C-alpha atoms as a PDB file:
ATOM      1  CA  MET A   1       0.000   0.000   0.000  1.00  0.00           C
ATOM      2  CA  PHE A   2       1.164   3.505  -0.730  1.00  0.00           C
ATOM      3  CA  SER A   3      -0.294   6.998  -0.731  1.00  0.00           C
ATOM      4  CA  ILE A   4      -0.398   9.582  -3.490  1.00  0.00           C
ATOM      5  CA  ASN A   5      -1.210  13.267  -3.695  1.00  0.00           C
ATOM      6  CA  PHE A   6      -3.254  14.558  -6.588  1.00  0.00           C
ATOM      7  CA  LYS A   7      -4.950  17.739  -7.741  1.00  0.00           C
ATOM      8  CA  TYR A   8      -8.572  17.699  -8.871  1.00  0.00           C
ATOM      9  CA  LYS A   9     -10.583  20.818  -9.703  1.00  0.00           C
ATOM     10  CA  ASP A  10      -8.024  23.196  -8.165  1.00  0.00           C
ATOM     11  CA  ALA A  11      -7.818  21.369  -4.820  1.00  0.00           C
ATOM     12  CA  HIS A  12      -5.259  18.912  -3.452  1.00  0.00           C
ATOM     13  CA  TYR A  13      -6.209  15.483  -2.149  1.00  0.00           C
ATOM     14  CA  LYS A  14      -4.643  12.239  -0.939  1.00  0.00           C
ATOM     15  CA  ALA A  15      -5.518   8.678  -1.821  1.00  0.00           C
ATOM     16  CA  LEU A  16      -4.407   5.297  -0.574  1.00  0.00           C
ATOM     17  CA  ILE A  17      -3.529   2.820  -3.305  1.00  0.00           C
ATOM     18  CA  ARG A  18      -3.439  -0.898  -2.621  1.00  0.00           C
ATOM     19  CA  VAL A  19      -2.280  -3.585  -5.038  1.00  0.00           C
ATOM     20  CA  VAL A  20      -5.038  -6.187  -4.865  1.00  0.00           C
ATOM     21  CA  GLU A  21      -3.818  -8.498  -7.589  1.00  0.00           C
ATOM     22  CA  GLN A  22      -0.578  -8.931  -9.481  1.00  0.00           C
ATOM     23  CA  LYS A  23      -0.271 -11.201 -12.500  1.00  0.00           C
ATOM     24  CA  GLY A  24       3.474 -11.569 -12.954  1.00  0.00           C
ATOM     25  CA  ASP A  25       5.364  -8.436 -13.938  1.00  0.00           C
ATOM     26  CA  LYS A  26       2.918  -7.526 -16.694  1.00  0.00           C
ATOM     27  CA  GLU A  27      -0.326  -6.669 -14.903  1.00  0.00           C
ATOM     28  CA  LYS A  28      -1.404  -5.153 -11.577  1.00  0.00           C
ATOM     29  CA  GLU A  29      -4.778  -4.176 -10.222  1.00  0.00           C
ATOM     30  CA  TYR A  30      -5.055  -1.263  -7.793  1.00  0.00           C
ATOM     31  CA  ARG A  31      -7.841  -0.323  -5.376  1.00  0.00           C
ATOM     32  CA  ILE A  32      -8.223   3.423  -4.798  1.00  0.00           C
ATOM     33  CA  THR A  33      -9.410   4.919  -1.515  1.00  0.00           C
ATOM     34  CA  ILE A  34      -9.659   8.706  -1.612  1.00  0.00           C
ATOM     35  CA  MET A  35      -9.136  10.457   1.705  1.00  0.00           C
ATOM     36  CA  ASN A  36     -12.076  12.765   1.059  1.00  0.00           C
ATOM     37  CA  GLY A  37     -15.614  11.542   1.675  1.00  0.00           C
ATOM     38  CA  GLU A  38     -17.220  13.507  -1.167  1.00  0.00           C
ATOM     39  CA  LEU A  39     -14.757  12.275  -3.798  1.00  0.00           C
ATOM     40  CA  GLU A  40     -14.811   8.743  -2.379  1.00  0.00           C
ATOM     41  CA  VAL A  41     -18.586   8.662  -2.885  1.00  0.00           C
ATOM     42  CA  LEU A  42     -18.159  10.078  -6.389  1.00  0.00           C
ATOM     43  CA  LEU A  43     -15.713   7.300  -7.298  1.00  0.00           C
ATOM     44  CA  TYR A  44     -17.791   4.527  -5.665  1.00  0.00           C
ATOM     45  CA  GLY A  45     -18.016   1.506  -7.953  1.00  0.00           C
ATOM     46  CA  ASN A  46     -15.217   2.801 -10.191  1.00  0.00           C
ATOM     47  CA  HIS A  47     -12.370   2.563  -7.696  1.00  0.00           C
ATOM     48  CA  MET A  48     -10.145   0.069  -9.533  1.00  0.00           C
ATOM     49  CA  LEU A  49      -7.232   0.752 -11.891  1.00  0.00           C
ATOM     50  CA  VAL A  50      -5.504  -1.854 -14.047  1.00  0.00           C
ATOM     51  CA  GLU A  51      -1.855  -1.481 -15.038  1.00  0.00           C
ATOM     52  CA  LYS A  52      -0.641  -3.413 -18.074  1.00  0.00           C
ATOM     53  CA  ASP A  53       3.004  -3.426 -19.127  1.00  0.00           C
ATOM     54  CA  GLY A  54       3.785  -0.535 -16.774  1.00  0.00           C
ATOM     55  CA  LYS A  55       0.998   1.744 -18.057  1.00  0.00           C
ATOM     56  CA  ILE A  56      -2.406   2.246 -16.449  1.00  0.00           C
ATOM     57  CA  ASP A  57      -5.187   1.274 -18.816  1.00  0.00           C
ATOM     58  CA  LEU A  58      -7.582   4.214 -19.217  1.00  0.00           C
ATOM     59  CA  ARG A  59      -9.559   3.119 -22.228  1.00  0.00           C
ATOM     60  CA  ALA A  60     -12.566   5.243 -22.985  1.00  0.00           C
ATOM     61  CA  SER A  61     -15.642   4.018 -21.212  1.00  0.00           C
ATOM     62  CA  ASP A  62     -19.188   5.086 -20.590  1.00  0.00           C
ATOM     63  CA  LEU A  63     -18.292   6.809 -17.318  1.00  0.00           C
ATOM     64  CA  PRO A  64     -19.549  10.351 -16.819  1.00  0.00           C
ATOM     65  CA  HIS A  65     -16.892  12.905 -17.731  1.00  0.00           C
ATOM     66  CA  HIS A  66     -16.205  14.039 -14.135  1.00  0.00           C
ATOM     67  CA  ILE A  67     -15.572  10.465 -12.944  1.00  0.00           C
ATOM     68  CA  ALA A  68     -13.361   9.665 -15.942  1.00  0.00           C
ATOM     69  CA  GLU A  69     -11.430  12.880 -15.270  1.00  0.00           C
ATOM     70  CA  LEU A  70     -10.964  11.962 -11.590  1.00  0.00           C
ATOM     71  CA  LYS A  71      -9.713   8.464 -12.468  1.00  0.00           C
ATOM     72  CA  THR A  72      -7.323   9.920 -15.045  1.00  0.00           C
ATOM     73  CA  VAL A  73      -5.842  12.373 -12.540  1.00  0.00           C
ATOM     74  CA  ILE A  74      -5.359   9.563 -10.012  1.00  0.00           C
ATOM     75  CA  ALA A  75      -3.863   7.243 -12.646  1.00  0.00           C
ATOM     76  CA  HIS A  76      -1.294   9.894 -13.590  1.00  0.00           C
ATOM     77  CA  ALA A  77      -0.415  10.375  -9.920  1.00  0.00           C
ATOM     78  CA  VAL A  78       0.117   6.603  -9.523  1.00  0.00           C
ATOM     79  CA  GLU A  79       2.343   6.525 -12.606  1.00  0.00           C
ATOM     80  CA  SER A  80       4.324   9.519 -11.303  1.00  0.00           C
ATOM     81  CA  PHE A  81       4.745   7.792  -7.937  1.00  0.00           C
ATOM     82  CA  HIS A  82       6.190   4.718  -9.667  1.00  0.00           C
ATOM     83  CA  ALA A  83       8.462   6.838 -11.870  1.00  0.00           C
ATOM     84  CA  GLU A  84       9.862   8.652  -8.818  1.00  0.00           C
ATOM     85  CA  GLU A  85      10.237   5.352  -6.971  1.00  0.00           C
ATOM     86  CA  HIS A  86      12.295   3.865  -9.813  1.00  0.00           C
ATOM     87  CA  ALA A  87      14.393   7.024 -10.181  1.00  0.00           C
ATOM     88  CA  ASN A  88      15.639   6.758  -6.583  1.00  0.00           C
END
């Protein structure tokens, strides 16, 4: 488990990210828990991210724009966290 910081609609937030499944080195599944009740409710039911070959899969879906935007911001923060982790 690790935590990330992210910016959404001009405010800063934190989220806890937990790897719930790892299929070799090629695929990981993350569970997102946002440390803000309002955003956590907004993300409810869409709180999983899948990473394939080191890149989070954000294929277009039928999610409302604001939820897709929130997931994208969080996905970029997760990728940045991993990039910083590997740089050190």
